[in-house]
C-alpha cells in the first residue's frame, strides 16, 4: 500500500513531526511505501497538496494534528481552522481513505472528525494503529480490530480502545522519514522519546489522555541507535521529550548509562522535561555525563497548598532541592509555573514568585491562566453545576481554547504579576514580543537566534540571547 503522511503543523520555529518519523518507520517495516508531504515548508498549501496527489498514486492519506492551540491564555490562538482548511484541500484532491491522528487530535477526536470531514481517526499511538488500518483497508481484518480507530458505523462514531504500541518489540531508531536536517537548521534541535505514558494525577494535564497512564519504556539500546542516526545527519542538539524524563528514575538512569557507555555523552547536548521529585544526586550526575545541558522542571507552583490543589506529588522544598542539584552539576535549569488555577490568590502567587527568586534557577517561565482540556479532572470539576464558574473563559466542553483564571486575582492580573517580578530578567512571560517572550510560536527573537546558529532548547536559547543584551 502507498501511504502519504501529511504534516499540518506550521509552528515557527519549526518542530519536526517526531510522531510521523516513528509512524513512517513502523509502516515501512510492514512492506508499505511511505512518502511525506510536509506543509511546514510551503507558503502555498493548495499548490503543495495538489502537486503531491498529482505526482503519485496514494492509497491512504494520514494527516497529523499535533497541537489544538498555542496553550496560552494571553494569546489563545487555535490551530483548528488550519486543519479544517488543509483537510478540505486534501479531500478536493483525493477521494480515497483519509485518517487523522496526533496528540492534539486525540484530545477531541470525534468532534474534530465532524469538523474536518475525515472518515477515520486514531487516538493514541499511530505505530500500532496505522499498520493495522492498512490491513483493514485491504480486507484482512475488520475495522473493529484496529486499535485506537474511530470510524463511522450506522451514522455513529465507533471508537475502538486507544492504541498502545509495543515499544519494546519495535525499533523506532531509523529517523529517515522526516527531513531532520532541515528541521535542525531552522528549528535548532531534534526530539527523541524514551518512553510514553504518565502516571501523574495533575488536574489540568492532557498527557495521560493522549499517551495513557501506563509508562511504556523503550530499550536503551534503541535510544542509542536513534542518537547515532541523528548524529549521522549532523544533528547533535536533542530534546528528550518525555512527559517527565525521570519518571521512573531507574529507566532514566539506564538511558544515561547507555549513552555514556556508547561514548556519545561528549558528542551531544540534550535537554529534557523532568519532575522535581524523584531527582537524586546520582541521576543528576549521570545526566550531566550523558550530555544533558538543561532541564525544564514543570514545577507549576511554589506554594505547597497550590501544588496539592494541582495534583502534584512534590513540595516547594523539592523544587528548591532540584534547582540546587542542577547548579551543583552544571546543568542549566528552567522552572515552568502554571498560575491562576482554582484556589489561587495573590498570597499564593506572591509566595511562588518569592520562592523562585530565592531558588535562583536560570529561567522561570510563567503561564497565567490554566488551559482546560476536555476529559481532565479540571474539566470534570468545572462541568459540575455547583462550581463557581466566574474564572472560566470559554467553553471547556468545546473545541476552541478554554481557560480558567482564578477570580481572586481580579482585574489586570498580568500587570500586577509583572510588578511582582520587577526587573528580574530570569522570568519569561507568554506575551510581549521581546527576548522575554515565552510563547515560542512565531517568536521572531527566537527564530533569528536559531538562524544565526544558536542551538538547543528554546528557553535556553532565549536565556543566552538575553545574557548577550
Protein backbone atom coordinates (compact mmCIF):
# COMPACT_ATOMS: atom_id res chain seq x y z
CA UNK A 1 0.00 0.00 0.00
CA UNK A 2 1.19 3.54 -0.78
CA UNK A 3 0.82 5.78 2.27
CA UNK A 4 1.21 9.57 2.22
CA UNK A 5 1.95 11.14 5.61
CA UNK A 6 0.89 14.80 5.84
CA UNK A 7 2.24 17.20 8.46
CA UNK A 8 -0.05 20.16 9.15
CA UNK A 9 2.00 21.80 11.92
CA UNK A 10 3.19 25.29 10.87
CA UNK A 11 4.65 26.45 14.20
CA UNK A 12 7.72 28.63 13.83
CA UNK A 13 10.45 27.89 14.80
CA UNK A 14 9.53 24.61 13.12
CA UNK A 15 9.23 21.50 15.28
CA UNK A 16 9.94 18.25 13.45
CA UNK A 17 6.94 15.87 13.43
CA UNK A 18 8.57 13.17 15.54
CA UNK A 19 5.43 11.03 15.50
CA UNK A 20 5.50 10.83 11.70
CA UNK A 21 9.14 9.73 11.77
CA UNK A 22 8.25 6.92 14.16
CA UNK A 23 4.98 6.00 12.41
CA UNK A 24 6.59 6.03 8.97
CA UNK A 25 9.24 3.60 10.24
CA UNK A 26 6.52 1.29 11.60
CA UNK A 27 4.51 1.35 8.35
CA UNK A 28 7.59 0.74 6.20
CA UNK A 29 8.57 -2.21 8.35
CA UNK A 30 5.44 -3.97 7.11
CA UNK A 31 6.39 -3.52 3.46
CA UNK A 32 4.39 -0.42 2.55
CA UNK A 33 5.67 2.55 0.55
CA UNK A 34 5.77 5.71 2.66
CA UNK A 35 6.18 9.29 1.45
CA UNK A 36 5.70 12.57 3.24
CA UNK A 37 4.06 15.89 2.42
CA UNK A 38 5.35 18.43 4.91
CA UNK A 39 3.22 21.58 4.84
CA UNK A 40 5.60 23.24 7.30
CA UNK A 41 7.83 24.21 4.40
CA UNK A 42 5.29 25.65 2.00
CA UNK A 43 3.78 29.11 1.67
CA UNK A 44 1.26 27.81 -0.86
CA UNK A 45 -0.56 24.89 0.74
CA UNK A 46 -3.19 24.46 -2.04
CA UNK A 47 -0.49 24.06 -4.69
CA UNK A 48 1.64 21.77 -2.49
CA UNK A 49 -1.33 19.49 -1.78
CA UNK A 50 -2.44 19.45 -5.43
CA UNK A 51 1.09 18.64 -6.61
CA UNK A 52 1.50 15.89 -4.02
CA UNK A 53 -1.54 13.97 -5.22
CA UNK A 54 -0.96 14.71 -8.92
CA UNK A 55 2.60 13.35 -8.83
CA UNK A 56 1.99 10.00 -7.10
CA UNK A 57 -0.54 7.27 -6.52
CA UNK A 58 -1.83 7.32 -2.93
CA UNK A 59 -3.82 4.55 -1.28
CA UNK A 60 -4.08 6.12 2.19
CA UNK A 61 -3.54 9.71 3.37
CA UNK A 62 -2.56 10.02 7.05
CA UNK A 63 -2.76 13.53 8.49
CA UNK A 64 -1.21 14.56 11.81
CA UNK A 65 -2.60 17.27 14.09
CA UNK A 66 -0.08 17.91 16.85
CA UNK A 67 -1.43 20.99 18.66
CA UNK A 68 -5.00 22.22 19.01
CA UNK A 69 -3.75 25.69 20.03
CA UNK A 70 -0.75 27.52 21.44
CA UNK A 71 -1.94 26.77 25.03
CA UNK A 72 -1.53 30.34 26.29
CA UNK A 73 -4.35 32.38 27.80
CA UNK A 74 -2.63 35.60 26.73
CA UNK A 75 -2.95 34.70 23.05
CA UNK A 76 -5.45 31.80 22.88
CA UNK A 77 -4.64 31.02 19.25
CA UNK A 78 -6.45 27.98 17.87
CA UNK A 79 -4.92 25.86 15.09
CA UNK A 80 -8.16 24.07 14.25
CA UNK A 81 -9.07 26.40 11.34
CA UNK A 82 -5.76 25.49 9.67
CA UNK A 83 -6.57 21.79 9.99
CA UNK A 84 -10.03 22.37 8.52
CA UNK A 85 -8.57 24.19 5.53
CA UNK A 86 -5.89 21.54 4.98
CA UNK A 87 -8.39 18.67 5.10
CA UNK A 88 -10.73 20.45 2.72
CA UNK A 89 -7.88 20.76 0.23
CA UNK A 90 -6.87 17.12 0.68
CA UNK A 91 -10.48 15.94 0.13
CA UNK A 92 -10.66 18.05 -3.03
CA UNK A 93 -7.65 16.20 -4.47
CA UNK A 94 -8.14 12.71 -3.06
CA UNK A 95 -11.25 10.55 -2.84
CA UNK A 96 -9.51 7.67 -1.06
CA UNK A 97 -9.35 6.94 2.68
CA UNK A 98 -8.08 9.74 4.96
CA UNK A 99 -7.14 9.17 8.60
CA UNK A 100 -6.36 11.91 11.11
CA UNK A 101 -4.24 11.43 14.24
CA UNK A 102 -1.78 13.17 16.51
CA UNK A 103 -1.62 14.43 20.08
CA UNK A 104 -4.00 17.34 19.56
CA UNK A 105 -6.45 15.21 17.62
CA UNK A 106 -6.53 12.51 20.32
CA UNK A 107 -7.92 15.01 22.84
CA UNK A 108 -11.15 15.71 20.97
CA UNK A 109 -11.19 13.14 18.21
CA UNK A 110 -14.85 12.71 17.25
CA UNK A 111 -15.53 16.46 17.47
CA UNK A 112 -12.62 17.18 15.12
CA UNK A 113 -13.66 14.46 12.68
CA UNK A 114 -17.06 16.14 12.44
CA UNK A 115 -15.38 19.48 11.75
CA UNK A 116 -12.88 18.30 9.12
CA UNK A 117 -14.96 15.66 7.35
CA UNK A 118 -12.47 12.78 7.51
CA UNK A 119 -13.79 9.18 7.65
CA UNK A 120 -11.18 7.82 10.07
CA UNK A 121 -9.27 8.96 13.13
CA UNK A 122 -6.75 7.40 15.50
CA UNK A 123 -6.47 8.05 19.23
CA UNK A 124 -3.15 7.07 20.76
CA UNK A 125 -0.07 5.50 19.20
CA UNK A 126 -0.01 5.59 15.41
CA UNK A 127 2.70 2.93 15.24
CA UNK A 128 0.12 0.36 16.35
CA UNK A 129 -2.89 1.76 14.53
CA UNK A 130 -1.71 2.74 11.05
CA UNK A 131 -0.25 -0.63 10.00
CA UNK A 132 -3.44 -2.28 11.29
CA UNK A 133 -5.58 0.17 9.32
CA UNK A 134 -3.76 -0.76 6.11
CA UNK A 135 -4.66 -4.39 6.79
CA UNK A 136 -8.29 -3.46 7.41
CA UNK A 137 -8.49 -1.44 4.19
CA UNK A 138 -7.18 -4.50 2.32
CA UNK A 139 -9.89 -6.59 3.95
CA UNK A 140 -7.53 -8.73 6.02
CA UNK A 141 -9.11 -7.65 9.33
CA UNK A 142 -12.20 -5.70 10.32
CA UNK A 143 -12.18 -2.02 11.28
CA UNK A 144 -13.19 -3.07 14.81
CA UNK A 145 -9.78 -4.76 15.18
CA UNK A 146 -7.74 -1.61 14.50
CA UNK A 147 -6.51 -0.25 17.87
CA UNK A 148 -7.47 3.34 18.56
CA UNK A 149 -9.54 3.68 15.39
CA UNK A 150 -12.58 5.95 15.20
CA UNK A 151 -14.89 5.30 12.26
CA UNK A 152 -18.50 5.75 11.16
CA UNK A 153 -20.91 2.87 11.53
CA UNK A 154 -24.70 3.22 11.40
CA UNK A 155 -24.38 7.03 11.44
CA UNK A 156 -22.43 7.00 14.70
CA UNK A 157 -18.76 7.27 15.54
CA UNK A 158 -17.41 3.96 16.79
CA UNK A 159 -14.32 4.24 19.00
CA UNK A 160 -12.01 1.27 19.46
CA UNK A 161 -9.85 1.01 22.57
CA UNK A 162 -6.99 3.52 22.47
CA UNK A 163 -3.87 2.38 20.61
CA UNK A 164 -0.72 1.40 22.51
CA UNK A 165 2.36 0.36 20.55
CA UNK A 166 4.76 -2.25 21.95
CA UNK A 167 7.81 -0.02 22.35
CA UNK A 168 9.98 -2.95 23.43
CA UNK A 169 9.33 -5.02 20.32
CA UNK A 170 9.53 -2.29 17.67
CA UNK A 171 12.64 -0.27 16.80
CA UNK A 172 11.97 3.42 16.11
CA UNK A 173 15.60 4.40 15.63
CA UNK A 174 15.84 4.91 11.85
CA UNK A 175 14.75 8.59 11.72
CA UNK A 176 14.73 8.67 7.91
CA UNK A 177 11.14 9.63 7.08
CA UNK A 178 11.26 13.31 8.10
CA UNK A 179 13.84 15.80 6.74
CA UNK A 180 15.50 16.16 10.14
CA UNK A 181 18.49 18.09 8.74
CA UNK A 182 16.21 20.85 7.51
CA UNK A 183 14.33 20.99 10.80
CA UNK A 184 17.59 21.18 12.70
CA UNK A 185 18.79 24.08 10.56
CA UNK A 186 15.60 26.04 11.14
CA UNK A 187 14.44 24.63 14.48
CA UNK A 188 17.67 24.14 16.40
CA UNK A 189 17.04 20.70 17.94
CA UNK A 190 15.62 17.22 17.32
CA UNK A 191 13.27 15.29 19.58
CA UNK A 192 13.51 11.75 20.94
CA UNK A 193 11.03 9.83 23.08
CA UNK A 194 12.50 7.34 25.54
CA UNK A 195 9.06 6.21 26.78
CA UNK A 196 5.36 7.00 26.72
CA UNK A 197 2.67 7.34 29.32
CA UNK A 198 2.40 9.35 32.51
CA UNK A 199 1.02 8.12 35.85
CA UNK A 200 0.67 11.67 37.20
CA UNK A 201 -2.62 12.99 38.62
CA UNK A 202 -2.27 16.64 37.64
CA UNK A 203 -5.78 18.08 37.37
CA UNK A 204 -5.11 20.00 34.14
CA UNK A 205 -2.80 17.72 32.16
CA UNK A 206 -3.85 16.03 28.93
CA UNK A 207 -0.79 13.76 28.57
CA UNK A 208 -2.41 10.74 30.33
CA UNK A 209 -5.38 11.12 27.99
CA UNK A 210 -3.15 11.15 24.92
CA UNK A 211 -0.47 8.62 25.86
CA UNK A 212 -2.07 6.67 28.69
CA UNK A 213 -1.22 6.37 32.38
CA UNK A 214 0.83 3.20 31.99
CA UNK A 215 4.51 4.01 31.45
CA UNK A 216 5.92 2.10 28.48
CA UNK A 217 9.69 2.35 28.12
CA UNK A 218 11.89 1.91 25.08
CA UNK A 219 15.09 -0.18 25.24
CA UNK A 220 18.16 1.96 25.98
CA UNK A 221 19.97 0.30 23.06
CA UNK A 222 17.28 1.62 20.68
CA UNK A 223 17.72 5.13 22.07
CA UNK A 224 21.47 4.90 21.46
CA UNK A 225 20.81 3.72 17.89
CA UNK A 226 18.47 6.67 17.38
CA UNK A 227 21.06 9.13 18.67
CA UNK A 228 23.56 7.66 16.22
CA UNK A 229 21.05 8.01 13.36
CA UNK A 230 20.66 11.70 14.14
CA UNK A 231 24.39 12.29 14.54
CA UNK A 232 24.94 10.86 11.05
CA UNK A 233 22.56 13.58 9.84
CA UNK A 234 24.65 16.27 11.58
CA UNK A 235 22.23 16.71 14.48
CA UNK A 236 23.89 16.96 17.90
CA UNK A 237 21.39 19.01 19.96
CA UNK A 238 18.50 16.90 21.16
CA UNK A 239 15.38 17.18 23.26
CA UNK A 240 14.27 14.07 25.15
CA UNK A 241 10.61 14.96 25.03
CA UNK A 242 9.09 12.50 27.50
CA UNK A 243 6.40 13.88 29.79
CA UNK A 244 8.88 13.56 32.70
CA UNK A 245 12.27 12.05 31.83
CA UNK A 246 12.94 10.93 35.41
CA UNK A 247 9.66 9.07 35.95
CA UNK A 248 10.56 6.28 36.50
CA UNK A 249 14.04 7.24 37.66
CA UNK A 250 15.69 3.79 37.05
CA UNK A 251 14.82 3.97 33.33
CA UNK A 252 16.26 7.48 33.09
CA UNK A 253 19.47 6.24 34.70
CA UNK A 254 19.62 3.29 32.27
CA UNK A 255 19.27 5.65 29.29
CA UNK A 256 22.09 7.83 30.61
CA UNK A 257 24.39 4.86 31.23
CA UNK A 258 23.73 3.52 27.73
CA UNK A 259 24.65 6.88 26.20
CA UNK A 260 27.79 7.11 28.33
CA UNK A 261 28.84 3.53 27.59
CA UNK A 262 28.39 4.15 23.86
CA UNK A 263 30.81 7.10 24.07
CA UNK A 264 28.15 9.61 23.00
CA UNK A 265 28.00 11.81 26.10
CA UNK A 266 30.69 14.15 24.77
CA UNK A 267 29.20 14.31 21.27
CA UNK A 268 25.70 15.52 22.09
CA UNK A 269 23.96 18.19 24.13
CA UNK A 270 20.45 17.42 25.20
CA UNK A 271 17.59 18.90 27.18
CA UNK A 272 14.55 17.37 28.78
CA UNK A 273 11.46 17.83 30.93
CA UNK A 274 11.64 16.41 34.45
CA UNK A 275 9.80 16.30 37.74
CA UNK A 276 11.43 17.93 40.81
CA UNK A 277 10.99 14.55 42.53
CA UNK A 278 12.31 11.90 42.34
CA UNK A 279 15.57 13.58 41.34
CA UNK A 280 18.63 12.18 43.06
CA UNK A 281 22.22 13.47 43.03
CA UNK A 282 23.28 10.25 41.27
CA UNK A 283 20.79 10.81 38.45
CA UNK A 284 21.79 14.47 38.08
CA UNK A 285 25.44 13.44 37.68
CA UNK A 286 24.59 10.66 35.23
CA UNK A 287 22.54 13.06 33.14
CA UNK A 288 25.39 15.55 33.04
CA UNK A 289 27.90 12.86 32.00
CA UNK A 290 25.49 11.70 29.29
CA UNK A 291 25.42 15.17 27.74
CA UNK A 292 22.45 16.81 29.45
CA UNK A 293 22.78 20.58 29.13
CA UNK A 294 19.49 21.70 30.63
CA UNK A 295 16.37 20.56 32.45
CA UNK A 296 12.93 22.13 32.37
CA UNK A 297 11.13 21.27 35.60
CA UNK A 298 7.38 21.57 35.23
CA UNK A 299 7.02 22.54 38.88
CA UNK A 300 3.84 24.59 38.30
CA UNK A 301 3.96 26.39 41.63
CA UNK A 302 5.93 27.34 44.71
CA UNK A 303 3.17 27.17 47.33
CA UNK A 304 2.57 23.74 48.84
CA UNK A 305 -1.19 24.20 49.09
CA UNK A 306 -1.42 25.04 45.40
CA UNK A 307 0.82 22.12 44.45
CA UNK A 308 -1.61 19.85 46.30
CA UNK A 309 -4.58 21.52 44.61
CA UNK A 310 -2.98 20.97 41.20
CA UNK A 311 -2.49 17.27 41.94
CA UNK A 312 1.29 17.38 42.18
CA UNK A 313 3.12 14.88 44.43
CA UNK A 314 6.11 17.00 45.42
CA UNK A 315 6.67 20.09 47.55
CA UNK A 316 8.21 23.51 47.20
CA UNK A 317 11.25 22.19 49.07
CA UNK A 318 11.66 19.51 46.38
CA UNK A 319 11.69 22.25 43.73
CA UNK A 320 14.44 24.14 45.52
CA UNK A 321 16.44 20.93 46.01
CA UNK A 322 16.20 20.06 42.31
CA UNK A 323 17.40 23.52 41.29
CA UNK A 324 20.38 23.25 43.62
CA UNK A 325 21.33 19.81 42.26
CA UNK A 326 21.34 21.24 38.74
CA UNK A 327 23.53 24.11 39.80
CA UNK A 328 25.91 21.72 41.59
CA UNK A 329 26.30 19.55 38.49
CA UNK A 330 26.50 22.34 35.90
CA UNK A 331 23.09 21.74 34.28
CA UNK A 332 21.09 24.81 33.25
CA UNK A 333 17.65 24.83 34.83
CA UNK A 334 14.26 26.23 33.88
CA UNK A 335 11.19 26.24 36.13
CA UNK A 336 7.75 26.32 34.50
CA UNK A 337 4.95 27.90 36.54
CA UNK A 338 1.23 27.48 35.95
CA UNK A 339 -0.57 30.24 37.84
CA UNK A 340 -4.22 31.11 38.26
CA UNK A 341 -5.68 27.64 38.99
CA UNK A 342 -8.67 27.16 41.30
CA UNK A 343 -7.71 28.37 44.78
CA UNK A 344 -5.04 30.79 43.55
CA UNK A 345 -4.83 34.10 45.43
CA UNK A 346 -2.38 36.94 45.39
CA UNK A 347 -0.88 35.48 48.57
CA UNK A 348 -0.10 32.12 46.92
CA UNK A 349 1.09 33.83 43.78
CA UNK A 350 3.40 36.16 45.73
CA UNK A 351 4.73 33.20 47.72
CA UNK A 352 5.61 31.48 44.46
CA UNK A 353 7.43 34.43 42.91
CA UNK A 354 9.39 34.94 46.13
CA UNK A 355 10.37 31.24 46.17
CA UNK A 356 11.57 31.38 42.56
CA UNK A 357 13.75 34.39 43.29
CA UNK A 358 15.24 32.61 46.31
CA UNK A 359 15.80 29.30 44.48
CA UNK A 360 17.72 31.05 41.66
CA UNK A 361 17.01 28.89 38.60
CA UNK A 362 18.45 30.17 35.32
CA UNK A 363 14.95 30.84 33.96
CA UNK A 364 11.36 30.91 35.14
CA UNK A 365 8.52 30.60 32.66
CA UNK A 366 5.15 31.98 33.70
CA UNK A 367 1.81 30.89 32.31
CA UNK A 368 -1.10 32.79 33.83
CA UNK A 369 -4.41 31.04 33.21
CA UNK A 370 -4.85 27.27 33.03
CA UNK A 371 -5.84 25.62 29.75
CA UNK A 372 -8.91 23.45 30.34
CA UNK A 373 -8.70 20.30 28.23
CA UNK A 374 -11.77 18.08 27.87
CA UNK A 375 -11.52 14.85 29.82
CA UNK A 376 -9.20 16.20 32.52
CA UNK A 377 -10.13 16.34 36.22
CA UNK A 378 -10.22 20.13 35.97
CA UNK A 379 -12.74 19.99 33.12
CA UNK A 380 -14.86 17.50 35.09
CA UNK A 381 -14.84 19.78 38.11
CA UNK A 382 -15.88 22.79 36.06
CA UNK A 383 -18.70 20.81 34.47
CA UNK A 384 -20.44 20.45 37.82
CA UNK A 385 -23.38 22.79 38.23
CA UNK A 386 -22.47 23.86 41.76
CA UNK A 387 -18.98 25.10 40.88
CA UNK A 388 -18.20 28.81 40.77
CA UNK A 389 -17.67 29.43 37.06
CA UNK A 390 -16.51 33.05 37.34
CA UNK A 391 -12.97 32.04 36.44
CA UNK A 392 -13.88 30.12 33.26
CA UNK A 393 -13.06 31.85 29.98
CA UNK A 394 -14.53 29.96 27.02
CA UNK A 395 -16.41 26.67 26.82
CA UNK A 396 -14.46 23.75 28.36
CA UNK A 397 -16.68 21.25 26.51
CA UNK A 398 -15.93 22.72 23.08
CA UNK A 399 -13.02 22.56 20.67
CA UNK A 400 -11.91 26.19 20.97
CA UNK A 401 -9.35 27.02 23.70
CA UNK A 402 -10.89 27.48 27.16
CA UNK A 403 -9.05 28.65 30.26
CA UNK A 404 -9.51 29.06 33.98
CA UNK A 405 -8.17 32.11 35.80
CA UNK A 406 -8.90 32.40 39.50
CA UNK A 407 -11.42 35.20 40.10
CA UNK A 408 -9.48 36.07 43.26
CA UNK A 409 -6.82 37.66 41.04
CA UNK A 410 -9.29 40.37 40.00
CA UNK A 411 -8.59 42.86 37.22
CA UNK A 412 -5.32 43.35 35.31
CA UNK A 413 -3.53 40.29 36.74
CA UNK A 414 -0.81 40.41 34.07
CA UNK A 415 0.24 43.92 35.04
CA UNK A 416 0.25 43.12 38.74
CA UNK A 417 2.23 39.94 38.14
CA UNK A 418 4.83 41.90 36.18
CA UNK A 419 5.10 44.28 39.11
CA UNK A 420 5.73 41.34 41.46
CA UNK A 421 8.51 40.05 39.21
CA UNK A 422 10.01 43.52 38.94
CA UNK A 423 13.18 43.84 36.88
CA UNK A 424 14.27 40.22 37.37
CA UNK A 425 15.04 39.19 33.79
CA UNK A 426 15.12 35.48 34.61
CA UNK A 427 11.35 35.48 34.23
CA UNK A 428 9.64 34.81 30.90
CA UNK A 429 6.05 35.72 30.02
CA UNK A 430 3.94 34.37 27.11
CA UNK A 431 3.45 37.84 25.69
CA UNK A 432 5.48 40.92 24.96
CA UNK A 433 7.23 40.25 21.65
CA UNK A 434 10.77 40.62 23.03
CA UNK A 435 13.56 38.45 24.44
CA UNK A 436 11.36 37.68 27.44
CA UNK A 437 8.51 36.41 25.25
CA UNK A 438 7.85 32.83 26.37
CA UNK A 439 5.37 31.92 23.61
CA UNK A 440 7.58 30.04 21.16
CA UNK A 441 5.04 30.13 18.32
CA UNK A 442 6.01 32.80 15.77
CA UNK A 443 8.69 34.08 18.16
CA UNK A 444 10.81 36.38 15.98
CA UNK A 445 13.61 36.75 18.55
CA UNK A 446 13.95 33.00 18.85
CA UNK A 447 13.84 32.35 15.11
CA UNK A 448 16.52 34.95 14.42
CA UNK A 449 18.76 33.38 17.05
CA UNK A 450 18.38 29.91 15.53
CA UNK A 451 19.01 31.26 12.03
CA UNK A 452 22.20 32.82 13.42
CA UNK A 453 23.41 29.42 14.67
CA UNK A 454 22.07 29.06 18.21
CA UNK A 455 21.04 25.51 19.09
CA UNK A 456 19.25 23.78 21.96
CA UNK A 457 16.07 24.10 23.99
CA UNK A 458 14.19 27.27 23.18
CA UNK A 459 14.21 28.55 26.74
CA UNK A 460 17.99 28.12 26.88
CA UNK A 461 18.49 29.91 23.57
CA UNK A 462 16.39 32.83 24.82
CA UNK A 463 18.31 32.80 28.10
CA UNK A 464 21.62 33.08 26.27
CA UNK A 465 20.32 35.73 23.89
CA UNK A 466 19.10 37.72 26.87
CA UNK A 467 22.52 37.44 28.52
CA UNK A 468 24.10 38.99 25.42
CA UNK A 469 21.85 42.08 25.59
